[in-house]
Amino acid sequence: LYYHFSSRPHIKAMLDSAHKNESIVECLQQGHEGCQVNLMTKYFCGHELFCKEGSERALEQAKLNIERHFGVIGLVEDLTMTYRVLKKWYPKYFMRLNPEVNSLEQKNKNENALHVTNDTRHVIEEANRADIFLYQYAQKRLYNQALECGI
């Protein structure tokens, strides 16, 4: 994984720069290349110029594109539900999938992780407001799809 990412020019530039030891808050405040914000909103929004902003307009376009072009958007933290919905929506492709067996029961925990302060969490949340709203939208959509499928 490191090799894959380090071969990308923008990632390589970030890893080779003096910015690699800065905090996430410093990176966000300085707007360095490695600290992109609202990435999922930008991804689902598309290639229009306004999609690069992570604005309200970009968020609304991302939601519209999800409805138009994506049958199911899954959630990693609820893979069992995601698998169940996928199996109902696309039985031909997921008929052999056993949602109970393929769920991730183990949660990784980094014992050496630094504590994230409330101030830092606030900075990250403010910088990624569009992504947070898009996540909540996708989560609600998945659970509504599950209800529609009788799950």
N, C-alpha and C. Protein backbone atom coordinates (compact mmCIF):
# COMPACT_ATOMS: atom_id res chain seq x y z
N LEU A 1 0.83 -1.19 0.00
CA LEU A 1 0.00 0.00 0.00
C LEU A 1 0.87 1.25 0.00
N TYR A 2 1.91 1.26 0.83
CA TYR A 2 2.80 2.42 0.87
C TYR A 2 3.41 2.65 -0.51
N TYR A 3 3.88 1.56 -1.15
CA TYR A 3 4.50 1.69 -2.46
C TYR A 3 3.51 2.28 -3.46
N HIS A 4 2.30 1.79 -3.43
CA HIS A 4 1.27 2.28 -4.35
C HIS A 4 1.06 3.78 -4.18
N PHE A 5 0.87 4.22 -2.95
CA PHE A 5 0.61 5.64 -2.71
C PHE A 5 1.87 6.49 -2.92
N SER A 6 3.02 5.95 -2.54
CA SER A 6 4.23 6.76 -2.67
C SER A 6 4.65 6.92 -4.12
N SER A 7 4.09 6.12 -5.03
CA SER A 7 4.42 6.27 -6.44
C SER A 7 3.58 7.37 -7.10
N ARG A 8 2.56 7.85 -6.43
CA ARG A 8 1.74 8.95 -6.95
C ARG A 8 2.49 10.26 -6.74
N PRO A 9 2.59 11.10 -7.78
CA PRO A 9 3.39 12.33 -7.66
C PRO A 9 2.96 13.24 -6.51
N HIS A 10 1.66 13.46 -6.33
CA HIS A 10 1.24 14.38 -5.26
C HIS A 10 1.48 13.78 -3.88
N ILE A 11 1.36 12.46 -3.74
CA ILE A 11 1.64 11.82 -2.46
C ILE A 11 3.16 11.83 -2.21
N LYS A 12 3.92 11.53 -3.25
CA LYS A 12 5.37 11.54 -3.12
C LYS A 12 5.87 12.92 -2.70
N ALA A 13 5.31 13.96 -3.31
CA ALA A 13 5.70 15.33 -2.95
C ALA A 13 5.40 15.61 -1.48
N MET A 14 4.26 15.13 -1.02
CA MET A 14 3.89 15.36 0.38
C MET A 14 4.82 14.58 1.31
N LEU A 15 5.13 13.33 0.96
CA LEU A 15 5.99 12.52 1.82
C LEU A 15 7.42 13.06 1.86
N ASP A 16 7.87 13.66 0.77
CA ASP A 16 9.22 14.19 0.70
C ASP A 16 9.33 15.62 1.24
N SER A 17 8.22 16.22 1.56
CA SER A 17 8.23 17.62 1.97
C SER A 17 8.45 17.78 3.47
N ALA A 18 8.62 19.04 3.85
CA ALA A 18 8.78 19.36 5.27
C ALA A 18 7.44 19.28 6.00
N HIS A 19 6.36 19.12 5.26
CA HIS A 19 5.03 19.10 5.86
C HIS A 19 4.65 17.76 6.48
N LYS A 20 5.45 16.74 6.23
CA LYS A 20 5.04 15.41 6.69
C LYS A 20 5.00 15.27 8.21
N ASN A 21 5.63 16.16 8.93
CA ASN A 21 5.63 16.08 10.38
C ASN A 21 4.69 17.08 11.04
N GLU A 22 3.90 17.77 10.26
CA GLU A 22 3.01 18.75 10.85
C GLU A 22 1.72 18.08 11.32
N SER A 23 1.02 18.75 12.20
CA SER A 23 -0.23 18.20 12.71
C SER A 23 -1.32 18.33 11.66
N ILE A 24 -2.39 17.60 11.85
CA ILE A 24 -3.53 17.68 10.93
C ILE A 24 -4.12 19.09 10.94
N VAL A 25 -4.14 19.73 12.08
CA VAL A 25 -4.68 21.09 12.17
C VAL A 25 -3.81 22.04 11.36
N GLU A 26 -2.48 21.94 11.52
CA GLU A 26 -1.58 22.79 10.73
C GLU A 26 -1.76 22.54 9.24
N CYS A 27 -1.88 21.30 8.87
CA CYS A 27 -2.04 20.94 7.46
C CYS A 27 -3.34 21.53 6.90
N LEU A 28 -4.43 21.40 7.65
CA LEU A 28 -5.70 21.96 7.21
C LEU A 28 -5.66 23.48 7.13
N GLN A 29 -5.06 24.10 8.13
CA GLN A 29 -5.00 25.57 8.15
C GLN A 29 -4.14 26.11 7.01
N GLN A 30 -3.08 25.41 6.66
CA GLN A 30 -2.19 25.85 5.59
C GLN A 30 -2.70 25.42 4.21
N GLY A 31 -3.65 24.46 4.19
CA GLY A 31 -4.19 24.00 2.91
C GLY A 31 -3.20 23.22 2.08
N HIS A 32 -2.32 22.47 2.73
CA HIS A 32 -1.33 21.70 1.99
C HIS A 32 -1.99 20.57 1.21
N GLU A 33 -1.29 20.14 0.18
CA GLU A 33 -1.85 19.18 -0.77
C GLU A 33 -2.34 17.89 -0.12
N GLY A 34 -1.68 17.45 0.91
CA GLY A 34 -2.07 16.21 1.57
C GLY A 34 -3.32 16.33 2.42
N CYS A 35 -3.81 17.53 2.61
CA CYS A 35 -4.97 17.75 3.47
C CYS A 35 -6.18 18.20 2.65
N GLN A 36 -6.57 17.38 1.73
CA GLN A 36 -7.76 17.66 0.94
C GLN A 36 -8.98 17.53 1.85
N VAL A 37 -9.95 18.38 1.63
CA VAL A 37 -11.18 18.31 2.43
C VAL A 37 -12.36 17.98 1.53
N ASN A 38 -13.37 17.38 2.15
CA ASN A 38 -14.61 17.02 1.46
C ASN A 38 -14.35 16.17 0.22
N LEU A 39 -13.48 15.19 0.35
CA LEU A 39 -13.11 14.36 -0.79
C LEU A 39 -14.28 13.55 -1.35
N MET A 40 -15.11 13.00 -0.49
CA MET A 40 -16.23 12.20 -0.99
C MET A 40 -17.26 13.07 -1.70
N THR A 41 -17.49 14.26 -1.20
CA THR A 41 -18.42 15.17 -1.85
C THR A 41 -17.88 15.53 -3.23
N LYS A 42 -16.61 15.83 -3.32
CA LYS A 42 -16.00 16.16 -4.61
C LYS A 42 -16.08 14.97 -5.56
N TYR A 43 -15.82 13.77 -5.05
CA TYR A 43 -15.85 12.56 -5.89
C TYR A 43 -17.26 12.33 -6.46
N PHE A 44 -18.25 12.33 -5.59
CA PHE A 44 -19.61 12.04 -6.04
C PHE A 44 -20.22 13.21 -6.82
N CYS A 45 -19.72 14.41 -6.62
CA CYS A 45 -20.24 15.59 -7.32
C CYS A 45 -19.94 15.50 -8.81
N GLY A 46 -18.72 15.19 -9.15
CA GLY A 46 -18.37 15.09 -10.56
C GLY A 46 -17.22 16.00 -10.96
N HIS A 47 -17.21 16.38 -12.24
CA HIS A 47 -16.08 17.11 -12.80
C HIS A 47 -16.35 18.58 -13.05
N GLU A 48 -17.51 19.05 -12.65
CA GLU A 48 -17.81 20.47 -12.83
C GLU A 48 -16.88 21.30 -11.94
N LEU A 49 -16.64 22.53 -12.33
CA LEU A 49 -15.76 23.41 -11.57
C LEU A 49 -16.23 23.59 -10.13
N PHE A 50 -17.54 23.75 -9.95
CA PHE A 50 -18.06 23.98 -8.59
C PHE A 50 -17.88 22.76 -7.69
N CYS A 51 -17.65 21.59 -8.28
CA CYS A 51 -17.45 20.37 -7.48
C CYS A 51 -16.14 20.39 -6.71
N LYS A 52 -15.21 21.20 -7.12
CA LYS A 52 -13.90 21.27 -6.45
C LYS A 52 -13.96 22.03 -5.14
N GLU A 53 -15.09 22.67 -4.87
CA GLU A 53 -15.21 23.53 -3.69
C GLU A 53 -15.70 22.80 -2.44
N GLY A 54 -16.48 21.76 -2.61
CA GLY A 54 -17.09 21.13 -1.45
C GLY A 54 -18.20 22.01 -0.88
N SER A 55 -18.82 22.81 -1.73
CA SER A 55 -19.86 23.77 -1.33
C SER A 55 -21.21 23.09 -1.19
N GLU A 56 -22.21 23.87 -0.80
CA GLU A 56 -23.59 23.36 -0.71
C GLU A 56 -24.05 22.87 -2.09
N ARG A 57 -23.69 23.61 -3.11
CA ARG A 57 -24.06 23.21 -4.48
C ARG A 57 -23.41 21.87 -4.83
N ALA A 58 -22.14 21.71 -4.47
CA ALA A 58 -21.44 20.45 -4.73
C ALA A 58 -22.08 19.31 -3.96
N LEU A 59 -22.47 19.57 -2.72
CA LEU A 59 -23.13 18.56 -1.90
C LEU A 59 -24.45 18.12 -2.54
N GLU A 60 -25.24 19.06 -3.00
CA GLU A 60 -26.52 18.73 -3.63
C GLU A 60 -26.31 17.95 -4.92
N GLN A 61 -25.29 18.32 -5.69
CA GLN A 61 -24.99 17.59 -6.93
C GLN A 61 -24.52 16.17 -6.61
N ALA A 62 -23.73 16.03 -5.55
CA ALA A 62 -23.26 14.70 -5.13
C ALA A 62 -24.45 13.81 -4.77
N LYS A 63 -25.40 14.35 -4.03
CA LYS A 63 -26.60 13.59 -3.67
C LYS A 63 -27.38 13.18 -4.92
N LEU A 64 -27.53 14.12 -5.83
CA LEU A 64 -28.25 13.85 -7.08
C LEU A 64 -27.54 12.75 -7.87
N ASN A 65 -26.23 12.82 -7.95
CA ASN A 65 -25.47 11.79 -8.67
C ASN A 65 -25.58 10.43 -8.00
N ILE A 66 -25.60 10.41 -6.69
CA ILE A 66 -25.77 9.14 -5.98
C ILE A 66 -27.11 8.53 -6.36
N GLU A 67 -28.15 9.33 -6.35
CA GLU A 67 -29.48 8.82 -6.71
C GLU A 67 -29.54 8.34 -8.16
N ARG A 68 -28.89 9.06 -9.03
CA ARG A 68 -28.95 8.74 -10.47
C ARG A 68 -28.07 7.56 -10.86
N HIS A 69 -26.89 7.45 -10.25
CA HIS A 69 -25.87 6.55 -10.78
C HIS A 69 -25.41 5.43 -9.87
N PHE A 70 -25.86 5.40 -8.62
CA PHE A 70 -25.38 4.39 -7.69
C PHE A 70 -26.56 3.68 -7.04
N GLY A 71 -26.66 2.39 -7.29
CA GLY A 71 -27.76 1.63 -6.71
C GLY A 71 -27.66 1.54 -5.20
N VAL A 72 -26.49 1.18 -4.72
CA VAL A 72 -26.27 1.01 -3.28
C VAL A 72 -24.93 1.67 -2.92
N ILE A 73 -24.94 2.45 -1.88
CA ILE A 73 -23.71 2.98 -1.30
C ILE A 73 -23.58 2.32 0.06
N GLY A 74 -22.55 1.52 0.24
CA GLY A 74 -22.39 0.78 1.47
C GLY A 74 -21.60 1.53 2.52
N LEU A 75 -21.69 1.01 3.74
CA LEU A 75 -20.98 1.59 4.88
C LEU A 75 -20.03 0.53 5.46
N VAL A 76 -18.79 0.88 5.60
CA VAL A 76 -17.80 -0.06 6.13
C VAL A 76 -18.17 -0.47 7.55
N GLU A 77 -18.63 0.48 8.35
CA GLU A 77 -18.92 0.14 9.74
C GLU A 77 -20.20 -0.66 9.90
N ASP A 78 -20.95 -0.83 8.81
CA ASP A 78 -22.13 -1.69 8.85
C ASP A 78 -22.12 -2.58 7.61
N LEU A 79 -21.06 -3.38 7.49
CA LEU A 79 -20.92 -4.24 6.33
C LEU A 79 -22.01 -5.29 6.24
N THR A 80 -22.45 -5.80 7.38
CA THR A 80 -23.51 -6.80 7.35
C THR A 80 -24.76 -6.25 6.69
N MET A 81 -25.16 -5.05 7.06
CA MET A 81 -26.32 -4.42 6.44
C MET A 81 -26.05 -4.14 4.96
N THR A 82 -24.87 -3.65 4.66
CA THR A 82 -24.51 -3.38 3.27
C THR A 82 -24.62 -4.65 2.45
N TYR A 83 -24.06 -5.75 2.95
CA TYR A 83 -24.12 -7.03 2.23
C TYR A 83 -25.56 -7.50 2.04
N ARG A 84 -26.37 -7.34 3.05
CA ARG A 84 -27.78 -7.77 2.95
C ARG A 84 -28.51 -6.99 1.86
N VAL A 85 -28.30 -5.67 1.83
CA VAL A 85 -28.95 -4.84 0.81
C VAL A 85 -28.42 -5.20 -0.57
N LEU A 86 -27.11 -5.38 -0.70
CA LEU A 86 -26.54 -5.75 -1.99
C LEU A 86 -27.11 -7.08 -2.49
N LYS A 87 -27.27 -7.99 -1.56
CA LYS A 87 -27.80 -9.32 -1.93
C LYS A 87 -29.25 -9.22 -2.43
N LYS A 88 -30.03 -8.34 -1.83
CA LYS A 88 -31.43 -8.14 -2.25
C LYS A 88 -31.51 -7.38 -3.57
N TRP A 89 -30.67 -6.35 -3.73
CA TRP A 89 -30.72 -5.52 -4.94
C TRP A 89 -30.10 -6.22 -6.14
N TYR A 90 -29.04 -6.96 -5.90
CA TYR A 90 -28.31 -7.60 -6.99
C TYR A 90 -28.10 -9.08 -6.69
N PRO A 91 -29.18 -9.86 -6.64
CA PRO A 91 -29.06 -11.26 -6.24
C PRO A 91 -28.18 -12.09 -7.19
N LYS A 92 -28.19 -11.74 -8.46
CA LYS A 92 -27.38 -12.48 -9.43
C LYS A 92 -25.89 -12.39 -9.09
N TYR A 93 -25.47 -11.24 -8.63
CA TYR A 93 -24.05 -11.03 -8.35
C TYR A 93 -23.65 -11.42 -6.93
N PHE A 94 -24.61 -11.42 -6.03
CA PHE A 94 -24.27 -11.65 -4.62
C PHE A 94 -24.97 -12.87 -4.02
N MET A 95 -25.44 -13.80 -4.86
CA MET A 95 -26.20 -14.93 -4.35
C MET A 95 -25.41 -15.80 -3.38
N ARG A 96 -24.10 -15.88 -3.54
CA ARG A 96 -23.28 -16.73 -2.67
C ARG A 96 -22.74 -15.99 -1.46
N LEU A 97 -23.00 -14.72 -1.39
CA LEU A 97 -22.51 -13.93 -0.28
C LEU A 97 -23.31 -14.23 0.98
N ASN A 98 -22.61 -14.57 2.06
CA ASN A 98 -23.26 -14.79 3.34
C ASN A 98 -22.94 -13.58 4.22
N PRO A 99 -23.91 -12.67 4.38
CA PRO A 99 -23.64 -11.44 5.13
C PRO A 99 -23.10 -11.67 6.54
N GLU A 100 -23.53 -12.75 7.15
CA GLU A 100 -23.11 -13.00 8.53
C GLU A 100 -21.65 -13.44 8.59
N VAL A 101 -21.20 -14.20 7.62
CA VAL A 101 -19.83 -14.71 7.61
C VAL A 101 -18.85 -13.63 7.20
N ASN A 102 -19.27 -12.75 6.31
CA ASN A 102 -18.35 -11.77 5.74
C ASN A 102 -18.30 -10.46 6.51
N SER A 103 -18.96 -10.37 7.62
CA SER A 103 -18.90 -9.12 8.38
C SER A 103 -17.58 -9.03 9.12
N LEU A 104 -17.15 -7.83 9.34
CA LEU A 104 -15.90 -7.61 10.05
C LEU A 104 -16.20 -7.44 11.53
N GLU A 105 -15.97 -8.48 12.27
CA GLU A 105 -16.21 -8.41 13.71
C GLU A 105 -15.05 -7.76 14.44
N GLN A 106 -13.84 -7.98 13.93
CA GLN A 106 -12.65 -7.44 14.59
C GLN A 106 -12.50 -5.96 14.25
N LYS A 107 -12.23 -5.18 15.25
CA LYS A 107 -11.95 -3.77 15.05
C LYS A 107 -10.50 -3.53 15.40
N ASN A 108 -9.80 -2.89 14.49
CA ASN A 108 -8.40 -2.58 14.75
C ASN A 108 -8.30 -1.40 15.70
N LYS A 109 -7.32 -1.46 16.56
CA LYS A 109 -7.09 -0.37 17.49
C LYS A 109 -5.60 -0.11 17.53
N ASN A 110 -5.25 1.14 17.32
CA ASN A 110 -3.86 1.54 17.38
C ASN A 110 -3.56 2.00 18.80
N GLU A 111 -2.81 1.21 19.51
CA GLU A 111 -2.48 1.51 20.91
C GLU A 111 -1.60 2.75 21.02
N ASN A 112 -0.90 3.10 19.94
CA ASN A 112 0.02 4.24 19.96
C ASN A 112 -0.59 5.50 19.38
N ALA A 113 -1.86 5.46 19.06
CA ALA A 113 -2.50 6.62 18.44
C ALA A 113 -2.52 7.80 19.41
N LEU A 114 -2.30 8.97 18.84
CA LEU A 114 -2.36 10.18 19.65
C LEU A 114 -3.80 10.54 19.95
N HIS A 115 -4.02 11.11 21.09
CA HIS A 115 -5.36 11.55 21.47
C HIS A 115 -5.77 12.75 20.60
N VAL A 116 -6.98 12.71 20.07
CA VAL A 116 -7.49 13.82 19.27
C VAL A 116 -8.30 14.72 20.20
N THR A 117 -7.87 15.95 20.32
CA THR A 117 -8.55 16.89 21.21
C THR A 117 -9.87 17.33 20.59
N ASN A 118 -10.75 17.85 21.40
CA ASN A 118 -12.03 18.37 20.89
C ASN A 118 -11.82 19.51 19.91
N ASP A 119 -10.81 20.33 20.16
CA ASP A 119 -10.50 21.43 19.24
C ASP A 119 -10.09 20.90 17.87
N THR A 120 -9.24 19.87 17.87
CA THR A 120 -8.80 19.27 16.61
C THR A 120 -9.97 18.63 15.89
N ARG A 121 -10.78 17.91 16.64
CA ARG A 121 -11.97 17.27 16.05
C ARG A 121 -12.88 18.34 15.43
N HIS A 122 -13.03 19.45 16.10
CA HIS A 122 -13.87 20.54 15.59
C HIS A 122 -13.31 21.10 14.28
N VAL A 123 -12.00 21.29 14.22
CA VAL A 123 -11.36 21.81 13.00
C VAL A 123 -11.61 20.84 11.84
N ILE A 124 -11.43 19.56 12.08
CA ILE A 124 -11.63 18.54 11.04
C ILE A 124 -13.09 18.52 10.60
N GLU A 125 -14.01 18.55 11.55
CA GLU A 125 -15.44 18.52 11.22
C GLU A 125 -15.85 19.76 10.43
N GLU A 126 -15.37 20.92 10.82
CA GLU A 126 -15.70 22.15 10.10
C GLU A 126 -15.17 22.12 8.68
N ALA A 127 -13.95 21.60 8.52
CA ALA A 127 -13.33 21.54 7.19
C ALA A 127 -14.03 20.54 6.28
N ASN A 128 -14.73 19.56 6.87
CA ASN A 128 -15.34 18.49 6.09
C ASN A 128 -16.86 18.42 6.27
N ARG A 129 -17.47 19.57 6.46
CA ARG A 129 -18.92 19.61 6.70
C ARG A 129 -19.71 18.94 5.58
N ALA A 130 -19.34 19.20 4.35
CA ALA A 130 -20.07 18.61 3.22
C ALA A 130 -19.98 17.09 3.26
N ASP A 131 -18.80 16.56 3.55
CA ASP A 131 -18.64 15.10 3.62
C ASP A 131 -19.45 14.51 4.77
N ILE A 132 -19.52 15.22 5.87
CA ILE A 132 -20.32 14.72 7.00
C ILE A 132 -21.79 14.65 6.62
N PHE A 133 -22.29 15.69 5.98
CA PHE A 133 -23.69 15.69 5.53
C PHE A 133 -23.91 14.61 4.47
N LEU A 134 -22.95 14.43 3.57
CA LEU A 134 -23.09 13.40 2.53
C LEU A 134 -23.08 12.01 3.16
N TYR A 135 -22.23 11.79 4.15
CA TYR A 135 -22.20 10.51 4.85
C TYR A 135 -23.55 10.23 5.51
N GLN A 136 -24.10 11.22 6.20
CA GLN A 136 -25.39 11.05 6.86
C GLN A 136 -26.48 10.74 5.83
N TYR A 137 -26.40 11.37 4.68
CA TYR A 137 -27.36 11.11 3.61
C TYR A 137 -27.23 9.66 3.11
N ALA A 138 -25.99 9.23 2.87
CA ALA A 138 -25.75 7.86 2.38
C ALA A 138 -26.18 6.83 3.43
N GLN A 139 -25.94 7.12 4.69
CA GLN A 139 -26.32 6.21 5.77
C GLN A 139 -27.84 6.07 5.83
N LYS A 140 -28.54 7.19 5.80
CA LYS A 140 -30.00 7.16 5.82
C LYS A 140 -30.54 6.43 4.60
N ARG A 141 -29.93 6.66 3.45
CA ARG A 141 -30.36 6.01 2.21
C ARG A 141 -30.21 4.49 2.32
N LEU A 142 -29.06 4.02 2.83
CA LEU A 142 -28.84 2.59 2.97
C LEU A 142 -29.88 1.97 3.91
N TYR A 143 -30.14 2.62 5.04
CA TYR A 143 -31.10 2.06 5.99
C TYR A 143 -32.52 2.09 5.43
N ASN A 144 -32.84 3.10 4.63
CA ASN A 144 -34.16 3.11 3.95
C ASN A 144 -34.25 2.01 2.92
N GLN A 145 -33.16 1.74 2.21
CA GLN A 145 -33.15 0.65 1.26
C GLN A 145 -33.34 -0.69 1.98
N ALA A 146 -32.72 -0.82 3.14
CA ALA A 146 -32.87 -2.05 3.92
C ALA A 146 -34.32 -2.24 4.33
N LEU A 147 -34.97 -1.16 4.78
CA LEU A 147 -36.39 -1.25 5.16
C LEU A 147 -37.26 -1.64 3.97
N GLU A 148 -36.98 -1.05 2.80
CA GLU A 148 -37.73 -1.36 1.59
C GLU A 148 -37.57 -2.83 1.19
N CYS A 149 -36.41 -3.40 1.51
CA CYS A 149 -36.13 -4.80 1.18
C CYS A 149 -36.66 -5.75 2.25
N GLY A 150 -37.22 -5.21 3.31
CA GLY A 150 -37.71 -6.05 4.40
C GLY A 150 -36.62 -6.55 5.31
N ILE A 151 -35.52 -5.87 5.36
CA ILE A 151 -34.39 -6.27 6.19
C ILE A 151 -34.49 -5.62 7.56
